[in-house]
Amino acid sequence: MDDLLLPTAITNFIATTNEADSAHFMAQFTPDAVLDDWGTTYQGAAEIAKWNQTDNIGKQSHFELEDFTQDDGQTWIVQLQVSGQGFNGSSPFRMTLADDLLARVEILPD
């Protein structure tokens, strides 16, 4: 899947997870970003950093881009195949940007 049409913050979300680079992963978010993981909400950098350690890079997650669509001007639906020591499977991520950073990430049930 060619990710050249995706915004940089989204491609970096994927790449920094795969590289286990927590500092650069967190740099992809606005200061007041929200991450919603199947209904559990994490507000702001400190909470998203905790989620990153308990559910993402801390679980050695690896993302493979399967598909994507642009939902509206600033929102994308990105289908990711997830593997690692936590969730394994395919899941849609709704990602909303502000100022070229991730303002909201919603991990949706498939």
Protein backbone atom coordinates (compact mmCIF):
# COMPACT_ATOMS: atom_id res chain seq x y z
CA MET A 1 0.00 0.00 0.00
CA ASP A 2 1.43 3.35 -1.05
CA ASP A 3 1.31 5.76 1.88
CA LEU A 4 2.65 8.76 -0.07
CA LEU A 5 -0.81 10.34 -0.11
CA LEU A 6 -1.19 10.20 3.67
CA PRO A 7 -0.30 13.18 5.86
CA THR A 8 3.13 13.00 7.46
CA ALA A 9 1.77 12.72 11.02
CA ILE A 10 -0.10 9.54 10.05
CA THR A 11 2.85 7.94 8.28
CA ASN A 12 5.02 8.88 11.26
CA PHE A 13 2.45 7.37 13.68
CA ILE A 14 2.94 4.07 11.85
CA ALA A 15 6.71 4.33 11.36
CA THR A 16 7.57 5.43 14.90
CA THR A 17 5.47 2.61 16.34
CA ASN A 18 7.29 0.11 14.14
CA GLU A 19 10.64 1.63 15.13
CA ALA A 20 9.70 1.64 18.86
CA ASP A 21 10.56 5.35 18.99
CA SER A 22 8.33 6.71 21.75
CA ALA A 23 9.72 10.26 21.67
CA HIS A 24 9.00 10.70 17.97
CA PHE A 25 5.69 8.86 18.31
CA MET A 26 4.52 11.41 20.91
CA ALA A 27 5.76 14.29 18.75
CA GLN A 28 3.02 13.45 16.20
CA PHE A 29 0.24 14.65 18.55
CA THR A 30 -1.11 18.10 19.40
CA PRO A 31 -0.69 18.99 23.10
CA ASP A 32 -4.43 18.50 23.74
CA ALA A 33 -4.87 15.42 21.55
CA VAL A 34 -7.33 12.67 22.35
CA LEU A 35 -6.83 8.96 21.71
CA ASP A 36 -9.91 6.73 21.94
CA ASP A 37 -9.10 3.02 22.03
CA TRP A 38 -12.41 1.17 21.56
CA GLY A 39 -14.20 3.55 23.92
CA THR A 40 -11.44 4.14 26.47
CA THR A 41 -10.34 7.75 26.12
CA TYR A 42 -6.87 9.16 26.78
CA GLN A 43 -6.70 12.98 26.91
CA GLY A 44 -3.44 14.89 26.46
CA ALA A 45 0.19 13.95 26.10
CA ALA A 46 0.65 12.32 29.52
CA GLU A 47 -2.29 9.93 29.09
CA ILE A 48 -1.42 9.11 25.48
CA ALA A 49 2.16 8.38 26.58
CA LYS A 50 0.80 5.92 29.17
CA TRP A 51 -1.36 4.25 26.48
CA ASN A 52 1.71 4.06 24.26
CA GLN A 53 3.56 2.11 26.96
CA THR A 54 0.68 -0.18 27.98
CA ASP A 55 -0.93 -0.83 24.59
CA ASN A 56 1.36 0.21 21.74
CA ILE A 57 5.16 0.43 21.73
CA GLY A 58 5.24 -1.15 25.20
CA LYS A 59 3.52 -4.19 23.65
CA GLN A 60 5.93 -4.22 20.68
CA SER A 61 3.10 -3.36 18.29
CA HIS A 62 3.80 -3.39 14.59
CA PHE A 63 1.52 -1.73 12.04
CA GLU A 64 1.07 -2.66 8.38
CA LEU A 65 -0.97 -0.23 6.30
CA GLU A 66 -3.80 -2.09 4.53
CA ASP A 67 -5.94 0.74 3.16
CA PHE A 68 -6.98 4.34 3.75
CA THR A 69 -9.60 6.86 2.72
CA GLN A 70 -9.96 10.55 3.38
CA ASP A 71 -13.15 11.00 5.39
CA ASP A 72 -13.15 14.80 5.08
CA GLY A 73 -10.54 17.53 4.75
CA GLN A 74 -8.76 16.75 8.02
CA THR A 75 -9.95 13.24 8.87
CA TRP A 76 -8.67 9.95 7.50
CA ILE A 77 -9.75 6.35 8.05
CA VAL A 78 -6.62 4.19 8.07
CA GLN A 79 -6.98 0.40 8.13
CA LEU A 80 -4.02 -1.14 9.95
CA GLN A 81 -3.00 -4.74 10.48
CA VAL A 82 -1.67 -4.84 14.04
CA SER A 83 0.65 -7.47 15.48
CA GLY A 84 2.71 -7.71 18.64
CA GLN A 85 2.24 -8.77 22.24
CA GLY A 86 -1.15 -7.08 22.61
CA PHE A 87 -4.00 -6.80 20.12
CA ASN A 88 -3.45 -8.73 16.90
CA GLY A 89 -5.72 -8.18 13.93
CA SER A 90 -7.01 -5.59 11.54
CA SER A 91 -8.59 -2.40 12.84
CA PRO A 92 -9.69 0.95 11.41
CA PHE A 93 -8.14 4.08 12.92
CA ARG A 94 -9.97 7.40 12.41
CA MET A 95 -7.30 10.11 12.55
CA THR A 96 -8.09 13.81 12.65
CA LEU A 97 -5.37 16.39 12.07
CA ALA A 98 -4.88 19.95 13.28
CA ASP A 99 -1.82 22.00 12.32
CA ASP A 100 -0.33 18.92 10.61
CA LEU A 101 -0.41 16.92 13.86
CA LEU A 102 -2.79 14.30 15.21
CA ALA A 103 -5.56 15.96 17.21
CA ARG A 104 -7.73 12.85 17.59
CA VAL A 105 -7.14 9.15 17.00
CA GLU A 106 -10.04 6.75 17.36
CA ILE A 107 -9.35 3.04 17.19
CA LEU A 108 -12.61 1.53 16.04
CA PRO A 109 -13.91 -2.02 16.25
CA ASP A 110 -13.68 -3.62 12.84
